[in-house]
């Protein structure tokens, strides 16, 4: 496809198609949906978290401050805060014992477990053992 060809974006930055493809995959494998609307971004250190099996073991969640305020049902919480509504928060979704591993769900399992496994492998490099 054009995107990974010698005439594609790699040509604009003087990179070879192979090095552009590698860089693209490295960024994509660390990118996360940050607002629930399909917007993706890089969040420092988020890729250090491990994935809870099928997301069910997750004990933290990545939210924007705006999402956290709306979820709490306190619109006044956004006023006077030093945080912007788009700032990212890592929020505990369960009690976490001292020294316990922080786990997140990199993708929603949904009803299609095979599709879920393929997405984890291709987008995040996570290969789950057979169920």
Foldseek 3Di string as FASTA:
>chain_A
DQCLQCNHPCVVVVHHSVVVVVVVLVQQLQWADAAVPPDIDHDPPPLVAAADVLFPPAFKDKYFLLVVCVVVVHPCVCPPDPGDRRHIDIGTPDDDDVPHGHHGHRDHCPPDNVVVQVCCCRRNVDHDDDD
